[in-house]
C-alpha atoms as a PDB file:
ATOM      1  CA  UNK A   1      80.023  71.458-223.346  1.00  0.00           C
ATOM      2  CA  UNK A   2      81.712  72.366-220.099  1.00  0.00           C
ATOM      3  CA  UNK A   3      78.929  74.821-219.642  1.00  0.00           C
ATOM      4  CA  UNK A   4      76.040  72.782-220.114  1.00  0.00           C
ATOM      5  CA  UNK A   5      77.589  70.344-218.165  1.00  0.00           C
ATOM      6  CA  UNK A   6      77.885  72.678-215.200  1.00  0.00           C
ATOM      7  CA  UNK A   7      74.289  73.969-215.884  1.00  0.00           C
ATOM      8  CA  UNK A   8      72.937  70.498-215.401  1.00  0.00           C
ATOM      9  CA  UNK A   9      74.858  69.713-212.591  1.00  0.00           C
ATOM     10  CA  UNK A  10      73.542  72.983-210.901  1.00  0.00           C
ATOM     11  CA  UNK A  11      69.848  71.848-212.055  1.00  0.00           C
ATOM     12  CA  UNK A  12      70.522  68.716-210.404  1.00  0.00           C
ATOM     13  CA  UNK A  13      71.727  69.729-207.207  1.00  0.00           C
ATOM     14  CA  UNK A  14      68.988  72.398-207.141  1.00  0.00           C
ATOM     15  CA  UNK A  15      66.608  69.342-207.821  1.00  0.00           C
ATOM     16  CA  UNK A  16      67.803  67.167-204.891  1.00  0.00           C
ATOM     17  CA  UNK A  17      67.604  70.270-202.413  1.00  0.00           C
ATOM     18  CA  UNK A  18      63.985  70.758-203.342  1.00  0.00           C
ATOM     19  CA  UNK A  19      63.063  66.742-203.119  1.00  0.00           C
ATOM     20  CA  UNK A  20      64.841  66.776-199.830  1.00  0.00           C
ATOM     21  CA  UNK A  21      61.917  68.904-198.304  1.00  0.00           C
ATOM     22  CA  UNK A  22      59.425  67.862-199.588  1.00  0.00           C
ATOM     23  CA  UNK A  23      59.335  64.356-197.686  1.00  0.00           C
ATOM     24  CA  UNK A  24      55.886  63.490-196.865  1.00  0.00           C
ATOM     25  CA  UNK A  25      54.520  61.788-193.840  1.00  0.00           C
ATOM     26  CA  UNK A  26      53.831  57.926-195.086  1.00  0.00           C
ATOM     27  CA  UNK A  27      49.842  56.981-195.482  1.00  0.00           C
ATOM     28  CA  UNK A  28      49.834  55.131-191.955  1.00  0.00           C
ATOM     29  CA  UNK A  29      51.028  58.519-190.282  1.00  0.00           C
ATOM     30  CA  UNK A  30      48.637  60.544-191.681  1.00  0.00           C
ATOM     31  CA  UNK A  31      45.713  57.653-191.028  1.00  0.00           C
ATOM     32  CA  UNK A  32      46.800  58.010-187.254  1.00  0.00           C
ATOM     33  CA  UNK A  33      46.734  61.946-187.122  1.00  0.00           C
ATOM     34  CA  UNK A  34      43.169  61.330-188.659  1.00  0.00           C
ATOM     35  CA  UNK A  35      42.434  58.912-186.140  1.00  0.00           C
ATOM     36  CA  UNK A  36      43.694  61.447-183.441  1.00  0.00           C
ATOM     37  CA  UNK A  37      41.527  64.365-184.745  1.00  0.00           C
ATOM     38  CA  UNK A  38      38.668  62.260-184.625  1.00  0.00           C
ATOM     39  CA  UNK A  39      37.948  62.028-188.192  1.00  0.00           C
ATOM     40  CA  UNK A  40      37.495  58.325-188.988  1.00  0.00           C
ATOM     41  CA  UNK A  41      34.817  55.576-187.902  1.00  0.00           C
ATOM     42  CA  UNK A  42      37.224  53.603-186.385  1.00  0.00           C
ATOM     43  CA  UNK A  43      36.384  55.272-182.568  1.00  0.00           C
ATOM     44  CA  UNK A  44      32.940  56.131-182.679  1.00  0.00           C
ATOM     45  CA  UNK A  45      33.200  57.681-179.015  1.00  0.00           C
ATOM     46  CA  UNK A  46      36.132  59.676-179.482  1.00  0.00           C
ATOM     47  CA  UNK A  47      34.916  60.967-183.266  1.00  0.00           C
ATOM     48  CA  UNK A  48      31.494  62.179-181.729  1.00  0.00           C
ATOM     49  CA  UNK A  49      33.585  63.954-178.587  1.00  0.00           C
ATOM     50  CA  UNK A  50      35.826  65.549-181.241  1.00  0.00           C
ATOM     51  CA  UNK A  51      32.710  66.543-183.204  1.00  0.00           C
ATOM     52  CA  UNK A  52      30.876  68.439-180.213  1.00  0.00           C
ATOM     53  CA  UNK A  53      33.949  70.358-179.223  1.00  0.00           C
ATOM     54  CA  UNK A  54      34.942  71.408-182.829  1.00  0.00           C
ATOM     55  CA  UNK A  55      31.294  72.399-183.590  1.00  0.00           C
ATOM     56  CA  UNK A  56      31.987  74.930-180.663  1.00  0.00           C
ATOM     57  CA  UNK A  57      35.672  75.823-181.821  1.00  0.00           C
ATOM     58  CA  UNK A  58      34.720  76.263-185.362  1.00  0.00           C
ATOM     59  CA  UNK A  59      31.822  78.516-184.749  1.00  0.00           C
ATOM     60  CA  UNK A  60      34.066  80.734-182.597  1.00  0.00           C
ATOM     61  CA  UNK A  61      36.817  80.729-185.207  1.00  0.00           C
ATOM     62  CA  UNK A  62      33.988  81.611-187.787  1.00  0.00           C
ATOM     63  CA  UNK A  63      32.820  84.378-184.896  1.00  0.00           C
ATOM     64  CA  UNK A  64      36.198  85.597-185.026  1.00  0.00           C
ATOM     65  CA  UNK A  65      36.851  85.862-188.825  1.00  0.00           C
ATOM     66  CA  UNK A  66      33.659  87.681-189.373  1.00  0.00           C
ATOM     67  CA  UNK A  67      34.465  90.163-186.729  1.00  0.00           C
ATOM     68  CA  UNK A  68      37.544  90.911-187.847  1.00  0.00           C
ATOM     69  CA  UNK A  69      36.385  91.790-191.707  1.00  0.00           C
ATOM     70  CA  UNK A  70      34.463  94.629-189.811  1.00  0.00           C
ATOM     71  CA  UNK A  71      37.724  96.045-188.819  1.00  0.00           C
ATOM     72  CA  UNK A  72      40.831  97.390-190.592  1.00  0.00           C
ATOM     73  CA  UNK A  73      42.411  94.496-189.335  1.00  0.00           C
ATOM     74  CA  UNK A  74      45.769  94.066-191.525  1.00  0.00           C
ATOM     75  CA  UNK A  75      48.300  91.951-190.000  1.00  0.00           C
ATOM     76  CA  UNK A  76      50.914  91.799-192.619  1.00  0.00           C
ATOM     77  CA  UNK A  77      53.736  89.942-191.697  1.00  0.00           C
ATOM     78  CA  UNK A  78      54.990  86.457-192.531  1.00  0.00           C
ATOM     79  CA  UNK A  79      56.255  85.264-188.957  1.00  0.00           C
ATOM     80  CA  UNK A  80      54.666  85.605-186.144  1.00  0.00           C
ATOM     81  CA  UNK A  81      55.547  84.547-182.595  1.00  0.00           C
ATOM     82  CA  UNK A  82      53.095  83.105-179.816  1.00  0.00           C
ATOM     83  CA  UNK A  83      54.817  83.205-176.435  1.00  0.00           C
ATOM     84  CA  UNK A  84      53.290  81.123-173.390  1.00  0.00           C
ATOM     85  CA  UNK A  85      50.925  79.426-176.077  1.00  0.00           C
ATOM     86  CA  UNK A  86      50.084  76.287-174.937  1.00  0.00           C
ATOM     87  CA  UNK A  87      48.457  74.126-177.790  1.00  0.00           C
ATOM     88  CA  UNK A  88      46.072  77.371-178.787  1.00  0.00           C
ATOM     89  CA  UNK A  89      46.618  77.164-182.211  1.00  0.00           C
ATOM     90  CA  UNK A  90      43.006  77.821-183.162  1.00  0.00           C
ATOM     91  CA  UNK A  91      43.444  81.387-181.708  1.00  0.00           C
ATOM     92  CA  UNK A  92      46.717  81.601-183.496  1.00  0.00           C
ATOM     93  CA  UNK A  93      45.208  80.694-186.990  1.00  0.00           C
ATOM     94  CA  UNK A  94      42.181  83.047-186.289  1.00  0.00           C
ATOM     95  CA  UNK A  95      44.269  86.234-185.763  1.00  0.00           C
ATOM     96  CA  UNK A  96      47.192  85.381-188.250  1.00  0.00           C
ATOM     97  CA  UNK A  97      45.566  83.239-191.087  1.00  0.00           C
ATOM     98  CA  UNK A  98      47.828  83.663-193.862  1.00  0.00           C
ATOM     99  CA  UNK A  99      51.834  83.991-192.196  1.00  0.00           C
ATOM    100  CA  UNK A 100      54.346  81.469-193.779  1.00  0.00           C
ATOM    101  CA  UNK A 101      56.021  80.571-190.379  1.00  0.00           C
ATOM    102  CA  UNK A 102      54.372  80.320-186.705  1.00  0.00           C
ATOM    103  CA  UNK A 103      56.619  80.040-183.483  1.00  0.00           C
ATOM    104  CA  UNK A 104      55.223  78.790-180.194  1.00  0.00           C
ATOM    105  CA  UNK A 105      56.346  78.080-177.094  1.00  0.00           C
ATOM    106  CA  UNK A 106      54.981  76.910-173.894  1.00  0.00           C
ATOM    107  CA  UNK A 107      55.757  74.600-170.645  1.00  0.00           C
ATOM    108  CA  UNK A 108      54.238  71.582-172.258  1.00  0.00           C
ATOM    109  CA  UNK A 109      57.045  68.922-172.970  1.00  0.00           C
ATOM    110  CA  UNK A 110      56.946  68.724-176.901  1.00  0.00           C
ATOM    111  CA  UNK A 111      55.991  64.844-177.188  1.00  0.00           C
ATOM    112  CA  UNK A 112      57.445  64.188-180.474  1.00  0.00           C
ATOM    113  CA  UNK A 113      58.208  61.501-181.814  1.00  0.00           C
ATOM    114  CA  UNK A 114      54.946  59.557-180.283  1.00  0.00           C
ATOM    115  CA  UNK A 115      55.021  56.006-179.749  1.00  0.00           C
ATOM    116  CA  UNK A 116      51.385  55.680-180.595  1.00  0.00           C
ATOM    117  CA  UNK A 117      51.863  52.312-182.360  1.00  0.00           C
ATOM    118  CA  UNK A 118      53.311  50.376-179.262  1.00  0.00           C
ATOM    119  CA  UNK A 119      50.550  51.430-176.897  1.00  0.00           C
ATOM    120  CA  UNK A 120      47.969  48.360-176.047  1.00  0.00           C
ATOM    121  CA  UNK A 121      44.243  49.501-176.550  1.00  0.00           C
ATOM    122  CA  UNK A 122      43.486  50.799-173.345  1.00  0.00           C
ATOM    123  CA  UNK A 123      46.506  53.138-173.617  1.00  0.00           C
ATOM    124  CA  UNK A 124      45.588  54.421-176.918  1.00  0.00           C
ATOM    125  CA  UNK A 125      42.036  55.178-175.305  1.00  0.00           C
ATOM    126  CA  UNK A 126      43.292  57.004-172.727  1.00  0.00           C
ATOM    127  CA  UNK A 127      46.000  59.073-175.383  1.00  0.00           C
ATOM    128  CA  UNK A 128      42.844  59.958-177.370  1.00  0.00           C
ATOM    129  CA  UNK A 129      41.019  60.878-174.075  1.00  0.00           C
ATOM    130  CA  UNK A 130      43.726  63.526-173.740  1.00  0.00           C
ATOM    131  CA  UNK A 131      43.124  64.679-176.682  1.00  0.00           C
ATOM    132  CA  UNK A 132      39.381  65.068-176.348  1.00  0.00           C
ATOM    133  CA  UNK A 133      39.675  66.472-173.073  1.00  0.00           C
ATOM    134  CA  UNK A 134      41.922  69.314-174.223  1.00  0.00           C
ATOM    135  CA  UNK A 135      39.737  70.031-177.221  1.00  0.00           C
ATOM    136  CA  UNK A 136      36.317  70.418-174.317  1.00  0.00           C
ATOM    137  CA  UNK A 137      38.268  72.342-172.549  1.00  0.00           C
ATOM    138  CA  UNK A 138      39.337  75.105-175.033  1.00  0.00           C
ATOM    139  CA  UNK A 139      35.635  74.962-176.339  1.00  0.00           C
ATOM    140  CA  UNK A 140      34.593  75.816-173.059  1.00  0.00           C
ATOM    141  CA  UNK A 141      36.318  78.984-172.354  1.00  0.00           C
ATOM    142  CA  UNK A 142      38.422  80.111-175.631  1.00  0.00           C
ATOM    143  CA  UNK A 143      41.647  79.391-173.770  1.00  0.00           C
ATOM    144  CA  UNK A 144      43.599  76.737-171.819  1.00  0.00           C
ATOM    145  CA  UNK A 145      44.562  76.649-168.257  1.00  0.00           C
ATOM    146  CA  UNK A 146      48.111  75.342-167.424  1.00  0.00           C
ATOM    147  CA  UNK A 147      46.938  73.078-164.874  1.00  0.00           C
ATOM    148  CA  UNK A 148      44.495  71.167-167.307  1.00  0.00           C
ATOM    149  CA  UNK A 149      47.313  71.260-170.377  1.00  0.00           C
ATOM    150  CA  UNK A 150      49.963  69.830-167.827  1.00  0.00           C
ATOM    151  CA  UNK A 151      47.621  67.151-166.099  1.00  0.00           C
ATOM    152  CA  UNK A 152      46.838  65.608-169.644  1.00  0.00           C
ATOM    153  CA  UNK A 153      50.040  66.091-171.683  1.00  0.00           C
ATOM    154  CA  UNK A 154      51.884  64.917-168.288  1.00  0.00           C
ATOM    155  CA  UNK A 155      49.899  61.132-168.682  1.00  0.00           C
ATOM    156  CA  UNK A 156      52.686  58.680-169.943  1.00  0.00           C
ATOM    157  CA  UNK A 157      50.420  57.419-172.625  1.00  0.00           C
ATOM    158  CA  UNK A 158      50.191  61.014-174.231  1.00  0.00           C
ATOM    159  CA  UNK A 159      53.551  61.977-173.190  1.00  0.00           C
ATOM    160  CA  UNK A 160      53.667  65.997-174.511  1.00  0.00           C
ATOM    161  CA  UNK A 161      51.828  68.419-176.879  1.00  0.00           C
ATOM    162  CA  UNK A 162      52.730  66.970-180.243  1.00  0.00           C
ATOM    163  CA  UNK A 163      49.689  64.818-180.879  1.00  0.00           C
ATOM    164  CA  UNK A 164      47.325  67.487-179.867  1.00  0.00           C
ATOM    165  CA  UNK A 165      48.876  70.123-182.224  1.00  0.00           C
ATOM    166  CA  UNK A 166      48.575  67.473-184.977  1.00  0.00           C
ATOM    167  CA  UNK A 167      45.217  66.667-184.206  1.00  0.00           C
ATOM    168  CA  UNK A 168      43.880  70.142-183.918  1.00  0.00           C
ATOM    169  CA  UNK A 169      45.745  71.222-187.290  1.00  0.00           C
ATOM    170  CA  UNK A 170      44.269  68.511-188.623  1.00  0.00           C
ATOM    171  CA  UNK A 171      40.504  69.549-187.724  1.00  0.00           C
ATOM    172  CA  UNK A 172      41.378  73.192-189.054  1.00  0.00           C
ATOM    173  CA  UNK A 173      41.523  71.622-192.482  1.00  0.00           C
ATOM    174  CA  UNK A 174      45.623  71.553-192.383  1.00  0.00           C
ATOM    175  CA  UNK A 175      47.483  68.885-194.307  1.00  0.00           C
ATOM    176  CA  UNK A 176      50.555  67.787-191.773  1.00  0.00           C
ATOM    177  CA  UNK A 177      53.150  67.494-194.873  1.00  0.00           C
ATOM    178  CA  UNK A 178      56.307  66.634-192.467  1.00  0.00           C
ATOM    179  CA  UNK A 179      57.306  66.516-189.043  1.00  0.00           C
ATOM    180  CA  UNK A 180      61.136  66.579-187.588  1.00  0.00           C
ATOM    181  CA  UNK A 181      62.621  67.505-184.252  1.00  0.00           C
ATOM    182  CA  UNK A 182      63.949  71.054-183.338  1.00  0.00           C
ATOM    183  CA  UNK A 183      66.397  72.048-180.322  1.00  0.00           C
ATOM    184  CA  UNK A 184      67.804  75.451-179.160  1.00  0.00           C
ATOM    185  CA  UNK A 185      71.163  75.030-177.462  1.00  0.00           C
ATOM    186  CA  UNK A 186      71.781  77.530-174.603  1.00  0.00           C
ATOM    187  CA  UNK A 187      74.097  78.189-171.781  1.00  0.00           C
ATOM    188  CA  UNK A 188      74.342  74.374-170.264  1.00  0.00           C
ATOM    189  CA  UNK A 189      70.285  74.047-171.379  1.00  0.00           C
ATOM    190  CA  UNK A 190      68.577  72.425-174.596  1.00  0.00           C
ATOM    191  CA  UNK A 191      65.195  73.624-175.387  1.00  0.00           C
ATOM    192  CA  UNK A 192      63.502  70.652-177.192  1.00  0.00           C
ATOM    193  CA  UNK A 193      60.898  71.216-179.680  1.00  0.00           C
ATOM    194  CA  UNK A 194      59.567  70.137-183.439  1.00  0.00           C
ATOM    195  CA  UNK A 195      58.606  71.917-186.597  1.00  0.00           C
ATOM    196  CA  UNK A 196      55.531  70.790-188.716  1.00  0.00           C
ATOM    197  CA  UNK A 197      55.433  71.494-192.619  1.00  0.00           C
ATOM    198  CA  UNK A 198      51.709  72.091-193.510  1.00  0.00           C
ATOM    199  CA  UNK A 199      50.060  72.787-196.430  1.00  0.00           C
ATOM    200  CA  UNK A 200      46.389  75.160-196.295  1.00  0.00           C
ATOM    201  CA  UNK A 201      44.392  73.486-199.605  1.00  0.00           C
ATOM    202  CA  UNK A 202      42.218  76.412-199.330  1.00  0.00           C
ATOM    203  CA  UNK A 203      44.685  79.291-199.503  1.00  0.00           C
ATOM    204  CA  UNK A 204      46.734  76.737-201.594  1.00  0.00           C
ATOM    205  CA  UNK A 205      50.051  77.951-199.300  1.00  0.00           C
ATOM    206  CA  UNK A 206      52.715  75.989-197.347  1.00  0.00           C
ATOM    207  CA  UNK A 207      53.194  76.806-193.641  1.00  0.00           C
ATOM    208  CA  UNK A 208      55.579  75.528-190.794  1.00  0.00           C
ATOM    209  CA  UNK A 209      54.520  75.917-187.334  1.00  0.00           C
ATOM    210  CA  UNK A 210      57.609  75.155-184.424  1.00  0.00           C
ATOM    211  CA  UNK A 211      56.761  74.524-180.918  1.00  0.00           C
ATOM    212  CA  UNK A 212      59.714  74.656-178.279  1.00  0.00           C
ATOM    213  CA  UNK A 213      59.262  74.038-174.505  1.00  0.00           C
ATOM    214  CA  UNK A 214      60.836  77.352-172.805  1.00  0.00           C
ATOM    215  CA  UNK A 215      60.467  78.052-169.336  1.00  0.00           C
ATOM    216  CA  UNK A 216      61.456  81.899-168.556  1.00  0.00           C
ATOM    217  CA  UNK A 217      63.120  82.543-165.276  1.00  0.00           C
ATOM    218  CA  UNK A 218      64.201  85.810-165.862  1.00  0.00           C
ATOM    219  CA  UNK A 219      67.312  85.836-167.708  1.00  0.00           C
ATOM    220  CA  UNK A 220      67.010  84.813-170.896  1.00  0.00           C
ATOM    221  CA  UNK A 221      67.111  86.939-173.894  1.00  0.00           C
ATOM    222  CA  UNK A 222      71.141  87.363-173.878  1.00  0.00           C
ATOM    223  CA  UNK A 223      73.663  87.264-176.775  1.00  0.00           C
ATOM    224  CA  UNK A 224      75.043  83.650-176.094  1.00  0.00           C
ATOM    225  CA  UNK A 225      72.293  82.191-174.782  1.00  0.00           C
ATOM    226  CA  UNK A 226      70.919  80.458-178.066  1.00  0.00           C
ATOM    227  CA  UNK A 227      67.333  82.292-177.613  1.00  0.00           C
ATOM    228  CA  UNK A 228      68.828  85.489-178.655  1.00  0.00           C
ATOM    229  CA  UNK A 229      70.157  84.311-181.422  1.00  0.00           C
ATOM    230  CA  UNK A 230      67.121  82.222-182.632  1.00  0.00           C
ATOM    231  CA  UNK A 231      64.776  85.194-181.999  1.00  0.00           C
ATOM    232  CA  UNK A 232      66.912  87.514-183.526  1.00  0.00           C
ATOM    233  CA  UNK A 233      67.313  85.712-186.604  1.00  0.00           C
ATOM    234  CA  UNK A 234      63.425  85.469-187.341  1.00  0.00           C
ATOM    235  CA  UNK A 235      63.777  88.868-188.420  1.00  0.00           C
ATOM    236  CA  UNK A 236      60.739  90.987-188.368  1.00  0.00           C
ATOM    237  CA  UNK A 237      57.710  89.628-186.764  1.00  0.00           C
ATOM    238  CA  UNK A 238      54.633  89.652-185.637  1.00  0.00           C
ATOM    239  CA  UNK A 239      53.430  88.643-181.650  1.00  0.00           C
ATOM    240  CA  UNK A 240      50.098  87.008-180.371  1.00  0.00           C
ATOM    241  CA  UNK A 241      49.829  86.348-176.842  1.00  0.00           C
ATOM    242  CA  UNK A 242      46.203  85.938-174.931  1.00  0.00           C
ATOM    243  CA  UNK A 243      45.820  84.559-171.425  1.00  0.00           C
ATOM    244  CA  UNK A 244      49.693  84.768-170.497  1.00  0.00           C
ATOM    245  CA  UNK A 245      49.343  85.639-166.774  1.00  0.00           C
ATOM    246  CA  UNK A 246      50.628  89.055-166.866  1.00  0.00           C
ATOM    247  CA  UNK A 247      54.243  87.147-167.167  1.00  0.00           C
ATOM    248  CA  UNK A 248      55.350  90.337-169.042  1.00  0.00           C
ATOM    249  CA  UNK A 249      54.478  92.818-166.677  1.00  0.00           C
ATOM    250  CA  UNK A 250      56.805  93.922-164.093  1.00  0.00           C
ATOM    251  CA  UNK A 251      60.601  93.697-164.530  1.00  0.00           C
ATOM    252  CA  UNK A 252      61.552  90.061-164.069  1.00  0.00           C
ATOM    253  CA  UNK A 253      61.586  89.056-167.886  1.00  0.00           C
ATOM    254  CA  UNK A 254      62.423  92.630-169.280  1.00  0.00           C
ATOM    255  CA  UNK A 255      65.781  91.367-171.070  1.00  0.00           C
ATOM    256  CA  UNK A 256      63.394  88.527-173.312  1.00  0.00           C
ATOM    257  CA  UNK A 257      60.343  90.892-173.479  1.00  0.00           C
ATOM    258  CA  UNK A 258      62.452  93.524-174.815  1.00  0.00           C
ATOM    259  CA  UNK A 259      64.059  90.867-177.719  1.00  0.00           C
ATOM    260  CA  UNK A 260      60.595  90.004-178.897  1.00  0.00           C
ATOM    261  CA  UNK A 261      59.120  93.672-179.233  1.00  0.00           C
ATOM    262  CA  UNK A 262      62.910  94.722-180.863  1.00  0.00           C
ATOM    263  CA  UNK A 263      61.510  93.109-184.291  1.00  0.00           C
ATOM    264  CA  UNK A 264      57.588  93.249-183.716  1.00  0.00           C
ATOM    265  CA  UNK A 265      55.788  95.155-186.206  1.00  0.00           C
ATOM    266  CA  UNK A 266      52.513  93.638-185.281  1.00  0.00           C
ATOM    267  CA  UNK A 267      51.157  92.463-181.884  1.00  0.00           C
ATOM    268  CA  UNK A 268      47.994  91.203-181.352  1.00  0.00           C
ATOM    269  CA  UNK A 269      46.774  90.593-177.387  1.00  0.00           C
ATOM    270  CA  UNK A 270      44.856  90.615-174.539  1.00  0.00           C
ATOM    271  CA  UNK A 271      45.472  92.968-171.194  1.00  0.00           C
ATOM    272  CA  UNK A 272      47.496  90.004-169.774  1.00  0.00           C
ATOM    273  CA  UNK A 273      50.127  90.349-172.479  1.00  0.00           C
ATOM    274  CA  UNK A 274      52.622  93.216-172.820  1.00  0.00           C
ATOM    275  CA  UNK A 275      51.711  96.673-170.982  1.00  0.00           C
ATOM    276  CA  UNK A 276      50.408  99.304-172.915  1.00  0.00           C
ATOM    277  CA  UNK A 277      53.423 101.699-172.127  1.00  0.00           C
ATOM    278  CA  UNK A 278      55.606  99.671-174.621  1.00  0.00           C
ATOM    279  CA  UNK A 279      53.770 101.038-177.390  1.00  0.00           C
ATOM    280  CA  UNK A 280      54.328 104.550-177.440  1.00  0.00           C
ATOM    281  CA  UNK A 281      52.632 106.897-180.023  1.00  0.00           C
ATOM    282  CA  UNK A 282      53.610 108.032-182.473  1.00  0.00           C
ATOM    283  CA  UNK A 283      55.933 105.087-183.085  1.00  0.00           C
ATOM    284  CA  UNK A 284      52.517 102.766-182.773  1.00  0.00           C
ATOM    285  CA  UNK A 285      48.943 102.754-183.682  1.00  0.00           C
ATOM    286  CA  UNK A 286      47.128 101.378-181.083  1.00  0.00           C
ATOM    287  CA  UNK A 287      43.541 100.050-181.192  1.00  0.00           C
ATOM    288  CA  UNK A 288      41.000  98.559-178.996  1.00  0.00           C
ATOM    289  CA  UNK A 289      38.675  96.100-179.711  1.00  0.00           C
ATOM    290  CA  UNK A 290      35.696  95.164-177.217  1.00  0.00           C
ATOM    291  CA  UNK A 291      36.146  96.756-173.546  1.00  0.00           C
ATOM    292  CA  UNK A 292      38.645  96.777-170.608  1.00  0.00           C
ATOM    293  CA  UNK A 293      37.715  97.518-167.260  1.00  0.00           C
ATOM    294  CA  UNK A 294      40.287  95.695-165.247  1.00  0.00           C
ATOM    295  CA  UNK A 295      42.844  93.121-165.234  1.00  0.00           C
ATOM    296  CA  UNK A 296      42.636  90.092-162.718  1.00  0.00           C
ATOM    297  CA  UNK A 297      44.795  89.060-159.829  1.00  0.00           C
ATOM    298  CA  UNK A 298      45.008  85.496-160.349  1.00  0.00           C
ATOM    299  CA  UNK A 299      46.329  82.887-158.171  1.00  0.00           C
ATOM    300  CA  UNK A 300      50.106  82.314-158.331  1.00  0.00           C
ATOM    301  CA  UNK A 301      50.646  84.601-161.607  1.00  0.00           C
ATOM    302  CA  UNK A 302      52.162  88.068-161.784  1.00  0.00           C
ATOM    303  CA  UNK A 303      50.463  90.566-160.183  1.00  0.00           C
ATOM    304  CA  UNK A 304      49.158  92.735-163.040  1.00  0.00           C
ATOM    305  CA  UNK A 305      50.376  96.514-163.372  1.00  0.00           C
ATOM    306  CA  UNK A 306      47.977  99.173-162.963  1.00  0.00           C
ATOM    307  CA  UNK A 307      46.935 100.584-166.378  1.00  0.00           C
ATOM    308  CA  UNK A 308      44.718 103.442-166.339  1.00  0.00           C
ATOM    309  CA  UNK A 309      45.719 104.623-169.853  1.00  0.00           C
ATOM    310  CA  UNK A 310      44.360 101.373-171.053  1.00  0.00           C
ATOM    311  CA  UNK A 311      40.822 101.926-169.433  1.00  0.00           C
ATOM    312  CA  UNK A 312      41.060 105.546-170.803  1.00  0.00           C
ATOM    313  CA  UNK A 313      41.636 104.185-174.089  1.00  0.00           C
ATOM    314  CA  UNK A 314      38.564 101.539-173.921  1.00  0.00           C
ATOM    315  CA  UNK A 315      36.406 104.417-172.750  1.00  0.00           C
ATOM    316  CA  UNK A 316      37.497 106.662-175.747  1.00  0.00           C
ATOM    317  CA  UNK A 317      36.800 103.957-178.294  1.00  0.00           C
ATOM    318  CA  UNK A 318      33.773 102.702-176.369  1.00  0.00           C
ATOM    319  CA  UNK A 319      33.528  99.953-178.846  1.00  0.00           C
ATOM    320  CA  UNK A 320      30.847  97.198-179.114  1.00  0.00           C
ATOM    321  CA  UNK A 321      30.919  94.116-176.688  1.00  0.00           C
ATOM    322  CA  UNK A 322      33.060  91.157-178.544  1.00  0.00           C
ATOM    323  CA  UNK A 323      30.628  88.505-179.648  1.00  0.00           C
ATOM    324  CA  UNK A 324      33.201  85.806-178.563  1.00  0.00           C
ATOM    325  CA  UNK A 325      34.995  85.188-175.134  1.00  0.00           C
ATOM    326  CA  UNK A 326      39.078  86.460-175.479  1.00  0.00           C
ATOM    327  CA  UNK A 327      41.486  86.706-172.368  1.00  0.00           C
ATOM    328  CA  UNK A 328      40.749  86.758-168.662  1.00  0.00           C
ATOM    329  CA  UNK A 329      37.520  88.923-168.812  1.00  0.00           C
ATOM    330  CA  UNK A 330      35.248  85.695-169.076  1.00  0.00           C
ATOM    331  CA  UNK A 331      36.611  84.902-165.576  1.00  0.00           C
ATOM    332  CA  UNK A 332      34.510  87.053-163.451  1.00  0.00           C
ATOM    333  CA  UNK A 333      31.684  87.839-165.767  1.00  0.00           C
ATOM    334  CA  UNK A 334      31.137  84.377-167.517  1.00  0.00           C
ATOM    335  CA  UNK A 335      30.065  86.670-170.537  1.00  0.00           C
ATOM    336  CA  UNK A 336      32.060  88.719-172.731  1.00  0.00           C
ATOM    337  CA  UNK A 337      31.597  92.219-171.316  1.00  0.00           C
ATOM    338  CA  UNK A 338      35.165  92.482-170.059  1.00  0.00           C
ATOM    339  CA  UNK A 339      36.776  90.984-173.221  1.00  0.00           C
ATOM    340  CA  UNK A 340      39.329  93.335-174.562  1.00  0.00           C
ATOM    341  CA  UNK A 341      41.575  92.615-177.879  1.00  0.00           C
ATOM    342  CA  UNK A 342      44.565  95.083-178.106  1.00  0.00           C
ATOM    343  CA  UNK A 343      45.855  95.700-181.558  1.00  0.00           C
ATOM    344  CA  UNK A 344      49.423  97.251-181.964  1.00  0.00           C
ATOM    345  CA  UNK A 345      50.683  98.379-185.613  1.00  0.00           C
ATOM    346  CA  UNK A 346      54.475  99.832-185.795  1.00  0.00           C
ATOM    347  CA  UNK A 347      54.450 103.387-187.938  1.00  0.00           C
END
């Protein structure tokens, strides 16, 4: 009898744990997310403009999916990290569609939770205008500029990245199941963020997306600073990075760069991410999709390293021009002639 009671008690505890992790958003919150995404007829202007930009964005997403099907592209990782991400979930999920956990960090305030219900009608208009302005911005070039993200997310009405994230994810077909505040405590600093629990009805899978505001000044990634422990505990990871302003070039952010690469098994990036020298053969298998000719000196950004070996790899591969823009190559040419995707897989 005692044994039966013990088993029942264990099952009860397990049941409690499950119910605690499946807290759903209220119907009111779900309706608000649909409104932000422009999926309700309540705001015809917002709906129409979101439809226009997302027609372009989904077209690009489908181009990427069709393109990758032709390649031997198999990012077999459960967790992916996107440094310097901004709010670019569309590219992340295009290249890593089936991961369980997505971890992003950028310079935008988290903006969670929002006070949308306390805003006036005029403030709600400005709030939604910020979402569609960023949507249109991404649709035009397939990357965000920091200036534009800061301009929109710093407005007191929008007040951060959270509304844009959930609106974009909703547009991508993800169901927002739950959300909670997150933080990483370091030495005299707290990195704030949030985690979203997602459900993909097409794949029939649960996923999580976590975002933190993290500004790397150059000494992060040491034991005891919080970031070291957090990213170490992720275990084996994939990495995605693009339009990263060459922040991992040079030695200023060496410690954090090494921390990420230590457990990396699969890396997808443009040429502004990690320099090619960090992926030596035979440890890594290196591929290039598209074509690389040069890096770009951006105003206010890190000076890119000279990479003749990357140009040699591109010439030897002689791949076709990408059917979509990727990275800064679009800046100088206004087409895809110098767009290149670098794929590194650890052997």
